């Protein structure tokens, strides 16, 4: 493999907008951004004429893809069961990470469902073993960490697709047990505030360790959620569905929805498929929270990019694919959603189209369209920059961190990790199609 890669002739999305410039990558980092970079004998040239070069997508909330689920393993459609045999699990995870990369994802948090603790310990250990067994493949670095979603939930009414038999009271010792099994890979945890004191204790503990505290699938009152925010909660899980409690009455400061909308220091995850949350509400939420406080996610499940599946079962919960294949439903529960089949390239495309269209809101009368360049910057912020910031991998906080600049990602800047997507974007305003052509993870082509 040549020491350097030079991408030439493309339109590069930089922090200050789109520029026609070249990019040089060396040693896994972006080493130069300049309008005219020479290509030496030690360099591989990629001609990106007519294409757009954007930061790699960061999906901070995904359960799986291509027949793989973090919690359960590899799906067997002939038996409607999952197989978590270690070797099959490792191979399934390898396929999943490569599929994520092919959709433009250069970092992802794999997210767990509510499950027996023994099973979570087992699969978390598998994930750590995978990193060593498959070391050397470029898509291994897509695995940024793990996200515990279901374990510390409480109210079955807010379970979504999770099985309440496996909910646990928040516990520092239980978290430490799971983190030990994961060898420190757990980067985010859902702790619902309605548990009261045990939840607030765990939130403080996690915050002190630099782990992202999130809250979703919650029926907490506004006062409870606000207390969680005071203790360190900084992320609202797939807002506002999931479900997320809300109240228009003045008592207890409303519900979780009201607290999240009021809190400037809380970011929101948005599943940008247009089904989990109507696009009119998505635009309203973006306007209320601001472009800097939104992280677009997929919440994708194992049926994503898996053809021929109609119905399935996970942890005792029956699901089915929607008529057009765009989302997953909980079987026999009306419009209750199980999860999504969204990919980040489609999510980016949706956001780009919604931002460049004049759209009627619900809380806001109308959202005026942005220019293409401005919409590109905003969409990239929500799909790359903001998720990186939430995970603490966007920019260094201290002089010591600056020496380790190559760990940071989420934007195309000299010294940062070379996580880059080359895309063809066709169509007109409001009807753009984004096609991923090449992906580089830490400067290595996938």
Protein backbone atom coordinates (compact mmCIF):
# COMPACT_ATOMS: atom_id res chain seq x y z
CA UNK A 1 0.00 0.00 0.00
CA UNK A 2 1.35 3.45 -0.89
CA UNK A 3 2.22 5.82 1.93
CA UNK A 4 -0.02 8.67 0.81
CA UNK A 5 -3.41 9.14 -0.84
CA UNK A 6 -4.26 12.33 -2.70
CA UNK A 7 -7.86 13.10 -3.62
CA UNK A 8 -7.93 15.63 -6.43
CA UNK A 9 -10.47 17.78 -8.29
CA UNK A 10 -13.40 17.32 -5.91
CA UNK A 11 -15.65 19.75 -4.05
CA UNK A 12 -14.55 19.38 -0.43
CA UNK A 13 -16.84 20.22 2.47
CA UNK A 14 -14.59 22.11 4.88
CA UNK A 15 -15.63 23.79 8.16
CA UNK A 16 -16.06 27.09 6.28
CA UNK A 17 -18.01 25.63 3.35
CA UNK A 18 -17.53 23.87 0.01
CA UNK A 19 -14.19 24.44 -1.70
CA UNK A 20 -12.65 23.03 -4.88
CA UNK A 21 -9.41 21.70 -3.42
CA UNK A 22 -7.22 18.63 -3.01
CA UNK A 23 -6.71 16.50 0.10
CA UNK A 24 -3.62 14.53 1.06
CA UNK A 25 -3.80 11.71 3.60
CA UNK A 26 -0.79 10.10 5.20
CA UNK A 27 -0.45 7.78 8.18
CA UNK A 28 -4.19 7.76 8.77
CA UNK A 29 -4.52 11.53 9.09
CA UNK A 30 -5.32 14.44 6.81
CA UNK A 31 -1.89 15.89 6.11
CA UNK A 32 -2.70 18.62 3.56
CA UNK A 33 -5.67 20.56 2.22
CA UNK A 34 -4.54 22.65 -0.73
CA UNK A 35 -5.85 23.57 -4.22
CA UNK A 36 -2.86 21.96 -5.92
CA UNK A 37 -1.17 19.01 -4.22
CA UNK A 38 1.45 17.19 -6.34
CA UNK A 39 1.15 13.42 -6.64
CA UNK A 40 4.48 11.75 -6.02
CA UNK A 41 5.57 8.19 -6.74
CA UNK A 42 4.73 7.28 -3.15
CA UNK A 43 1.12 8.48 -3.52
CA UNK A 44 -2.12 6.94 -4.75
CA UNK A 45 -4.20 9.45 -6.70
CA UNK A 46 -8.00 9.41 -6.57
CA UNK A 47 -9.70 11.61 -9.16
CA UNK A 48 -12.90 13.00 -7.62
CA UNK A 49 -13.88 15.34 -10.47
CA UNK A 50 -17.57 16.16 -10.24
CA UNK A 51 -17.84 14.52 -6.80
CA UNK A 52 -18.24 15.80 -3.25
CA UNK A 53 -15.81 14.93 -0.46
CA UNK A 54 -17.46 15.05 2.95
CA UNK A 55 -16.59 13.91 6.48
CA UNK A 56 -17.42 10.28 7.23
CA UNK A 57 -20.79 9.73 8.91
CA UNK A 58 -20.90 8.86 12.61
CA UNK A 59 -23.89 6.75 13.66
CA UNK A 60 -24.07 6.84 17.44
CA UNK A 61 -27.14 4.60 17.66
CA UNK A 62 -27.46 1.41 15.63
CA UNK A 63 -28.41 -2.10 16.72
CA UNK A 64 -27.21 -3.89 13.62
CA UNK A 65 -27.31 -4.36 9.86
CA UNK A 66 -27.08 -7.07 7.19
CA UNK A 67 -28.44 -9.89 9.35
CA UNK A 68 -26.32 -9.03 12.42
CA UNK A 69 -27.59 -7.80 15.79
CA UNK A 70 -25.23 -6.75 18.57
CA UNK A 71 -27.32 -8.36 21.31
CA UNK A 72 -28.37 -11.59 19.62
CA UNK A 73 -25.85 -12.38 16.88
CA UNK A 74 -26.53 -13.60 13.35
CA UNK A 75 -30.10 -14.12 12.16
CA UNK A 76 -31.10 -17.48 10.63
CA UNK A 77 -34.15 -16.84 8.45
CA UNK A 78 -34.83 -20.56 7.99
CA UNK A 79 -35.49 -20.95 11.74
CA UNK A 80 -36.42 -17.37 12.72
CA UNK A 81 -33.73 -17.53 15.39
CA UNK A 82 -30.39 -15.92 16.13
CA UNK A 83 -27.11 -17.75 16.46
CA UNK A 84 -24.51 -16.37 18.85
CA UNK A 85 -21.88 -19.04 18.35
CA UNK A 86 -18.62 -17.15 18.80
CA UNK A 87 -17.07 -17.68 15.38
CA UNK A 88 -20.33 -17.00 13.56
CA UNK A 89 -20.85 -13.89 15.72
CA UNK A 90 -17.39 -12.55 14.88
CA UNK A 91 -17.94 -13.14 11.17
CA UNK A 92 -21.36 -11.50 11.32
CA UNK A 93 -19.92 -8.46 13.10
CA UNK A 94 -17.20 -8.22 10.45
CA UNK A 95 -19.82 -8.21 7.66
CA UNK A 96 -21.88 -5.61 9.54
CA UNK A 97 -18.98 -3.19 10.00
CA UNK A 98 -18.07 -3.45 6.34
CA UNK A 99 -21.70 -2.72 5.38
CA UNK A 100 -21.72 0.30 7.67
CA UNK A 101 -18.59 1.57 5.93
CA UNK A 102 -20.12 1.02 2.50
CA UNK A 103 -22.97 3.36 3.50
CA UNK A 104 -20.50 6.09 4.47
CA UNK A 105 -20.22 5.33 8.19
CA UNK A 106 -16.69 5.69 9.51
CA UNK A 107 -17.56 5.45 13.22
CA UNK A 108 -20.50 3.74 14.95
CA UNK A 109 -21.77 2.85 18.41
CA UNK A 110 -23.37 -0.59 18.39
CA UNK A 111 -26.41 -0.52 20.63
CA UNK A 112 -27.78 -3.24 22.92
CA UNK A 113 -31.36 -4.28 23.50
CA UNK A 114 -32.70 -5.26 26.91
CA UNK A 115 -31.36 -8.78 27.38
CA UNK A 116 -30.25 -11.18 30.13
CA UNK A 117 -27.10 -9.85 31.75
CA UNK A 118 -25.25 -13.10 31.07
CA UNK A 119 -25.92 -12.69 27.37
CA UNK A 120 -24.74 -9.07 27.37
CA UNK A 121 -21.51 -10.08 29.12
CA UNK A 122 -20.94 -12.79 26.53
CA UNK A 123 -21.51 -10.66 23.41
CA UNK A 124 -19.54 -7.72 24.82
CA UNK A 125 -16.61 -10.09 25.28
CA UNK A 126 -17.07 -11.26 21.68
CA UNK A 127 -16.84 -7.67 20.46
CA UNK A 128 -13.55 -7.14 22.26
CA UNK A 129 -12.18 -10.41 20.82
CA UNK A 130 -13.27 -9.33 17.36
CA UNK A 131 -11.09 -6.21 17.52
CA UNK A 132 -8.03 -8.40 17.99
CA UNK A 133 -9.01 -11.30 15.71
CA UNK A 134 -9.80 -9.05 12.72
CA UNK A 135 -7.17 -6.38 13.36
CA UNK A 136 -5.87 -5.04 10.06
CA UNK A 137 -9.13 -4.74 8.15
CA UNK A 138 -9.91 -1.04 7.55
CA UNK A 139 -13.57 -1.36 8.59
CA UNK A 140 -12.61 -2.66 12.07
CA UNK A 141 -12.00 0.98 13.01
CA UNK A 142 -15.67 1.78 12.30
CA UNK A 143 -16.37 0.22 15.71
CA UNK A 144 -16.09 3.23 18.01
CA UNK A 145 -17.78 1.57 20.97
CA UNK A 146 -20.93 0.20 22.57
CA UNK A 147 -24.15 1.84 23.74
CA UNK A 148 -26.36 0.26 26.44
CA UNK A 149 -29.94 1.18 25.65
CA UNK A 150 -32.34 -1.29 27.24
CA UNK A 151 -30.80 -2.49 30.50
CA UNK A 152 -31.66 0.46 32.77
CA UNK A 153 -35.16 1.18 31.48
CA UNK A 154 -38.15 0.89 33.84
CA UNK A 155 -41.76 1.33 32.68
CA UNK A 156 -43.15 -1.37 30.30
CA UNK A 157 -45.42 1.30 28.81
CA UNK A 158 -42.31 2.96 27.35
CA UNK A 159 -40.59 -0.28 26.32
CA UNK A 160 -40.82 0.17 22.54
CA UNK A 161 -39.31 -3.02 21.09
CA UNK A 162 -37.49 -3.92 24.34
CA UNK A 163 -38.55 -6.81 26.60
CA UNK A 164 -39.29 -5.44 30.11
CA UNK A 165 -38.39 -8.80 31.67
CA UNK A 166 -34.76 -7.70 31.29
CA UNK A 167 -35.01 -4.20 32.77
CA UNK A 168 -32.80 -3.53 35.83
CA UNK A 169 -32.64 -0.84 38.45
CA UNK A 170 -29.65 1.41 37.72
CA UNK A 171 -26.60 -0.01 39.41
CA UNK A 172 -22.97 1.06 39.43
CA UNK A 173 -21.84 -2.51 40.12
CA UNK A 174 -23.90 -3.88 37.19
CA UNK A 175 -22.50 -1.23 34.86
CA UNK A 176 -18.95 -2.03 36.02
CA UNK A 177 -19.59 -5.71 35.38
CA UNK A 178 -20.68 -4.99 31.81
CA UNK A 179 -17.87 -2.49 31.21
CA UNK A 180 -15.34 -5.06 32.39
CA UNK A 181 -16.74 -7.62 29.93
CA UNK A 182 -16.53 -5.00 27.17
CA UNK A 183 -12.95 -4.06 28.08
CA UNK A 184 -13.94 -0.39 28.37
CA UNK A 185 -15.78 -0.17 25.05
CA UNK A 186 -19.07 1.12 26.52
CA UNK A 187 -19.26 4.80 25.54
CA UNK A 188 -22.95 5.65 26.16
CA UNK A 189 -25.67 4.44 28.53
CA UNK A 190 -29.43 5.03 28.69
CA UNK A 191 -30.48 5.70 32.30
CA UNK A 192 -34.14 6.68 32.66
CA UNK A 193 -34.69 9.32 35.40
CA UNK A 194 -37.90 7.83 36.81
CA UNK A 195 -35.85 5.34 38.84
CA UNK A 196 -35.03 8.29 41.12
CA UNK A 197 -31.98 8.12 43.40
CA UNK A 198 -30.39 5.01 41.84
CA UNK A 199 -30.59 6.65 38.39
CA UNK A 200 -29.08 9.94 39.54
CA UNK A 201 -26.27 8.09 41.34
CA UNK A 202 -25.38 6.13 38.19
CA UNK A 203 -25.61 9.24 36.00
CA UNK A 204 -23.11 11.07 38.22
CA UNK A 205 -20.80 8.05 38.20
CA UNK A 206 -20.87 7.70 34.41
CA UNK A 207 -20.43 11.42 33.84
CA UNK A 208 -17.32 11.44 36.02
CA UNK A 209 -15.89 8.68 33.82
CA UNK A 210 -16.58 10.60 30.60
CA UNK A 211 -19.33 8.23 29.44
CA UNK A 212 -22.28 9.76 27.61
CA UNK A 213 -25.43 9.66 29.74
CA UNK A 214 -28.60 9.43 27.67
CA UNK A 215 -32.29 9.16 28.49
CA UNK A 216 -35.06 7.77 26.33
CA UNK A 217 -37.92 5.26 26.47
CA UNK A 218 -38.85 7.31 29.50
CA UNK A 219 -42.00 8.42 31.25
CA UNK A 220 -40.10 10.74 33.58
CA UNK A 221 -41.70 13.96 34.70
CA UNK A 222 -40.09 17.21 33.62
CA UNK A 223 -38.68 17.66 37.11
CA UNK A 224 -37.12 14.18 37.10
CA UNK A 225 -35.60 14.68 33.66
CA UNK A 226 -34.27 18.09 34.64
CA UNK A 227 -32.61 16.54 37.69
CA UNK A 228 -30.95 13.99 35.40
CA UNK A 229 -29.68 16.85 33.23
CA UNK A 230 -28.25 18.57 36.33
CA UNK A 231 -26.44 15.33 37.19
CA UNK A 232 -24.96 14.87 33.71
CA UNK A 233 -27.50 13.56 31.18
CA UNK A 234 -26.62 15.14 27.84
CA UNK A 235 -28.44 13.12 25.17
CA UNK A 236 -32.11 12.42 24.41
CA UNK A 237 -32.52 9.01 22.78
CA UNK A 238 -34.28 8.94 19.38
CA UNK A 239 -36.27 12.05 20.27
CA UNK A 240 -39.26 12.29 20.54
CA UNK A 241 -40.35 8.74 19.72
CA UNK A 242 -39.35 5.63 21.56
CA UNK A 243 -41.75 6.60 23.22
CA UNK A 244 -40.81 9.73 25.18
CA UNK A 245 -43.18 11.09 27.83
CA UNK A 246 -44.81 14.48 27.33
CA UNK A 247 -47.33 16.63 29.15
CA UNK A 248 -48.97 19.91 28.21
CA UNK A 249 -50.08 20.49 31.81
CA UNK A 250 -48.13 22.80 34.16
CA UNK A 251 -47.53 20.16 36.83
CA UNK A 252 -44.00 18.80 37.48
CA UNK A 253 -42.60 20.94 34.64
CA UNK A 254 -44.27 18.78 32.01
CA UNK A 255 -42.54 15.63 30.79
CA UNK A 256 -39.29 14.52 29.18
CA UNK A 257 -40.10 16.18 25.85
CA UNK A 258 -40.58 19.56 27.47
CA UNK A 259 -37.36 19.29 29.50
CA UNK A 260 -35.30 18.29 26.46
CA UNK A 261 -36.62 21.15 24.34
CA UNK A 262 -35.81 23.66 27.08
CA UNK A 263 -32.29 22.40 27.82
CA UNK A 264 -29.56 24.03 25.74
CA UNK A 265 -26.95 21.56 26.98
CA UNK A 266 -28.86 18.45 25.86
CA UNK A 267 -28.50 17.10 22.31
CA UNK A 268 -31.15 15.02 20.60
CA UNK A 269 -30.90 11.94 18.43
CA UNK A 270 -33.22 12.02 15.41
CA UNK A 271 -34.07 9.01 13.24
CA UNK A 272 -34.25 10.79 9.90
CA UNK A 273 -36.31 8.29 7.91
CA UNK A 274 -39.53 10.35 7.89
CA UNK A 275 -41.48 7.52 9.55
CA UNK A 276 -40.27 7.42 13.15
CA UNK A 277 -40.76 11.19 13.27
CA UNK A 278 -42.67 13.10 10.64
CA UNK A 279 -40.33 15.39 8.69
CA UNK A 280 -42.40 18.43 9.73
CA UNK A 281 -41.65 17.64 13.38
CA UNK A 282 -38.00 16.96 12.56
CA UNK A 283 -37.67 20.42 11.05
CA UNK A 284 -39.42 21.94 14.06
CA UNK A 285 -37.10 20.11 16.48
CA UNK A 286 -34.02 21.22 14.55
CA UNK A 287 -35.22 24.82 14.67
CA UNK A 288 -35.99 24.64 18.40
CA UNK A 289 -32.79 22.85 19.40
CA UNK A 290 -30.44 24.43 16.85
CA UNK A 291 -28.24 22.75 14.26
CA UNK A 292 -25.46 22.18 16.81
CA UNK A 293 -27.63 20.08 19.14
CA UNK A 294 -28.95 17.43 16.75
CA UNK A 295 -27.33 14.08 15.95
CA UNK A 296 -28.88 12.14 13.08
CA UNK A 297 -28.98 8.38 13.77
CA UNK A 298 -30.32 5.29 12.02
CA UNK A 299 -31.41 3.09 14.96
CA UNK A 300 -31.05 0.40 12.30
CA UNK A 301 -31.81 -3.23 13.06
CA UNK A 302 -30.55 -6.49 11.59
CA UNK A 303 -33.08 -6.54 8.66
CA UNK A 304 -31.37 -3.44 7.18
CA UNK A 305 -29.91 -4.40 3.77
CA UNK A 306 -31.22 -7.96 4.30
CA UNK A 307 -33.52 -9.01 1.47
CA UNK A 308 -36.46 -11.40 1.52
CA UNK A 309 -37.50 -11.00 5.17
CA UNK A 310 -41.15 -10.40 6.13
CA UNK A 311 -41.61 -11.26 9.83
CA UNK A 312 -39.22 -12.05 12.65
CA UNK A 313 -38.93 -12.39 16.43
CA UNK A 314 -36.41 -10.86 18.83
CA UNK A 315 -36.25 -11.59 22.58
CA UNK A 316 -39.91 -12.57 22.64
CA UNK A 317 -41.08 -9.52 20.67
CA UNK A 318 -42.58 -10.17 17.22
CA UNK A 319 -41.78 -7.77 14.40
CA UNK A 320 -42.49 -7.31 10.72
CA UNK A 321 -41.17 -5.32 7.78
CA UNK A 322 -43.36 -2.45 6.55
CA UNK A 323 -45.05 -2.83 3.19
CA UNK A 324 -42.39 -0.79 1.39
CA UNK A 325 -39.50 -2.01 3.50
CA UNK A 326 -38.75 1.47 4.87
CA UNK A 327 -39.15 0.64 8.58
CA UNK A 328 -39.93 -2.12 11.10
CA UNK A 329 -43.18 -2.52 13.00
CA UNK A 330 -44.06 -4.40 16.17
CA UNK A 331 -46.44 -7.09 14.93
CA UNK A 332 -50.07 -6.71 16.01
CA UNK A 333 -49.51 -3.36 17.78
CA UNK A 334 -50.87 -0.99 15.15
CA UNK A 335 -48.38 1.71 14.22
CA UNK A 336 -45.92 0.85 16.99
CA UNK A 337 -42.44 0.85 15.48
CA UNK A 338 -39.79 -1.79 16.18
CA UNK A 339 -36.80 -0.02 14.67
CA UNK A 340 -35.57 1.23 11.36
CA UNK A 341 -33.97 0.02 8.16
CA UNK A 342 -32.38 3.43 7.61
CA UNK A 343 -28.76 3.81 6.49
CA UNK A 344 -26.70 6.95 7.08
CA UNK A 345 -26.31 7.77 3.39
CA UNK A 346 -30.10 7.80 3.08
CA UNK A 347 -30.42 9.82 6.29
CA UNK A 348 -27.95 12.42 4.99
CA UNK A 349 -29.87 12.58 1.71
CA UNK A 350 -33.19 13.06 3.53
CA UNK A 351 -31.85 15.87 5.70
CA UNK A 352 -30.27 17.56 2.68
CA UNK A 353 -33.57 17.43 0.80
CA UNK A 354 -35.67 18.64 3.71
CA UNK A 355 -33.33 21.56 4.37
CA UNK A 356 -33.44 22.70 0.74
CA UNK A 357 -37.26 22.56 0.56
CA UNK A 358 -39.85 25.02 1.76
CA UNK A 359 -41.74 23.01 4.36
CA UNK A 360 -44.70 23.55 6.64
CA UNK A 361 -43.99 22.70 10.25
CA UNK A 362 -46.29 21.79 13.14
CA UNK A 363 -45.07 24.19 15.82
CA UNK A 364 -43.61 26.59 13.24
CA UNK A 365 -45.63 27.91 10.31
CA UNK A 366 -42.99 27.39 7.63
CA UNK A 367 -39.33 26.49 7.25
CA UNK A 368 -37.64 28.47 4.48
CA UNK A 369 -35.25 26.52 2.25
CA UNK A 370 -31.49 26.82 2.65
CA UNK A 371 -29.03 27.08 -0.21
CA UNK A 372 -27.41 23.81 -1.29
CA UNK A 373 -24.05 24.73 0.22
CA UNK A 374 -25.54 25.80 3.53
CA UNK A 375 -27.72 22.69 3.66
CA UNK A 376 -24.66 20.51 2.98
CA UNK A 377 -22.85 22.09 5.92
CA UNK A 378 -25.84 21.71 8.25
CA UNK A 379 -26.53 18.12 7.19
CA UNK A 380 -22.87 17.23 7.69
CA UNK A 381 -22.91 18.83 11.13
CA UNK A 382 -25.82 16.62 12.17
CA UNK A 383 -24.40 13.45 10.60
CA UNK A 384 -20.71 13.88 11.46
CA UNK A 385 -19.62 16.85 13.55
CA UNK A 386 -22.26 16.77 16.29
CA UNK A 387 -22.05 12.99 16.90
CA UNK A 388 -18.26 13.34 17.15
CA UNK A 389 -18.65 16.18 19.64
CA UNK A 390 -21.11 14.14 21.73
CA UNK A 391 -18.58 11.30 21.89
CA UNK A 392 -15.73 13.68 22.72
CA UNK A 393 -13.80 12.88 19.55
CA UNK A 394 -14.33 16.12 17.62
CA UNK A 395 -11.73 18.44 19.09
CA UNK A 396 -9.11 18.34 21.83
CA UNK A 397 -9.94 19.94 25.16
CA UNK A 398 -6.42 20.41 26.53
CA UNK A 399 -2.89 21.06 25.27
CA UNK A 400 -2.06 17.44 26.05
CA UNK A 401 -4.96 16.28 23.85
CA UNK A 402 -3.66 18.39 20.96
CA UNK A 403 -0.68 16.05 20.70
CA UNK A 404 -3.17 13.26 19.97
CA UNK A 405 -5.05 15.20 17.29
CA UNK A 406 -5.14 12.19 14.97
CA UNK A 407 -7.81 10.55 17.16
CA UNK A 408 -10.30 13.32 16.40
CA UNK A 409 -12.78 13.18 13.56
CA UNK A 410 -16.08 14.64 12.31
CA UNK A 411 -14.65 17.27 9.96
CA UNK A 412 -12.06 17.56 7.20
CA UNK A 413 -9.15 19.45 8.78
CA UNK A 414 -5.39 19.03 8.70
CA UNK A 415 -4.22 16.80 11.55
CA UNK A 416 -7.54 15.06 12.02
CA UNK A 417 -8.30 11.43 11.34
CA UNK A 418 -8.76 10.78 7.60
CA UNK A 419 -12.39 9.58 7.76
CA UNK A 420 -13.66 10.66 4.36
CA UNK A 421 -16.54 9.90 2.01
CA UNK A 422 -16.53 10.57 -1.73
CA UNK A 423 -20.10 10.92 -2.95
CA UNK A 424 -21.97 11.64 -6.14
CA UNK A 425 -24.89 13.99 -5.47
CA UNK A 426 -27.39 14.31 -8.29
CA UNK A 427 -30.82 15.92 -8.76
CA UNK A 428 -32.28 19.29 -7.86
CA UNK A 429 -33.08 21.13 -4.62
CA UNK A 430 -35.46 19.04 -2.53
CA UNK A 431 -34.87 15.98 -4.70
CA UNK A 432 -31.18 15.16 -4.30
CA UNK A 433 -29.82 11.64 -4.41
CA UNK A 434 -26.62 10.82 -2.55
CA UNK A 435 -24.62 7.88 -3.84
CA UNK A 436 -21.54 6.74 -1.90
CA UNK A 437 -18.67 6.05 -4.29
CA UNK A 438 -15.66 5.59 -2.02
CA UNK A 439 -15.05 5.52 1.72
CA UNK A 440 -11.77 5.91 3.58
CA UNK A 441 -11.56 4.96 7.24
CA UNK A 442 -8.47 6.44 8.90
CA UNK A 443 -7.07 7.01 5.43
CA UNK A 444 -7.58 3.41 4.32
CA UNK A 445 -9.95 2.67 1.41
CA UNK A 446 -12.85 0.34 2.13
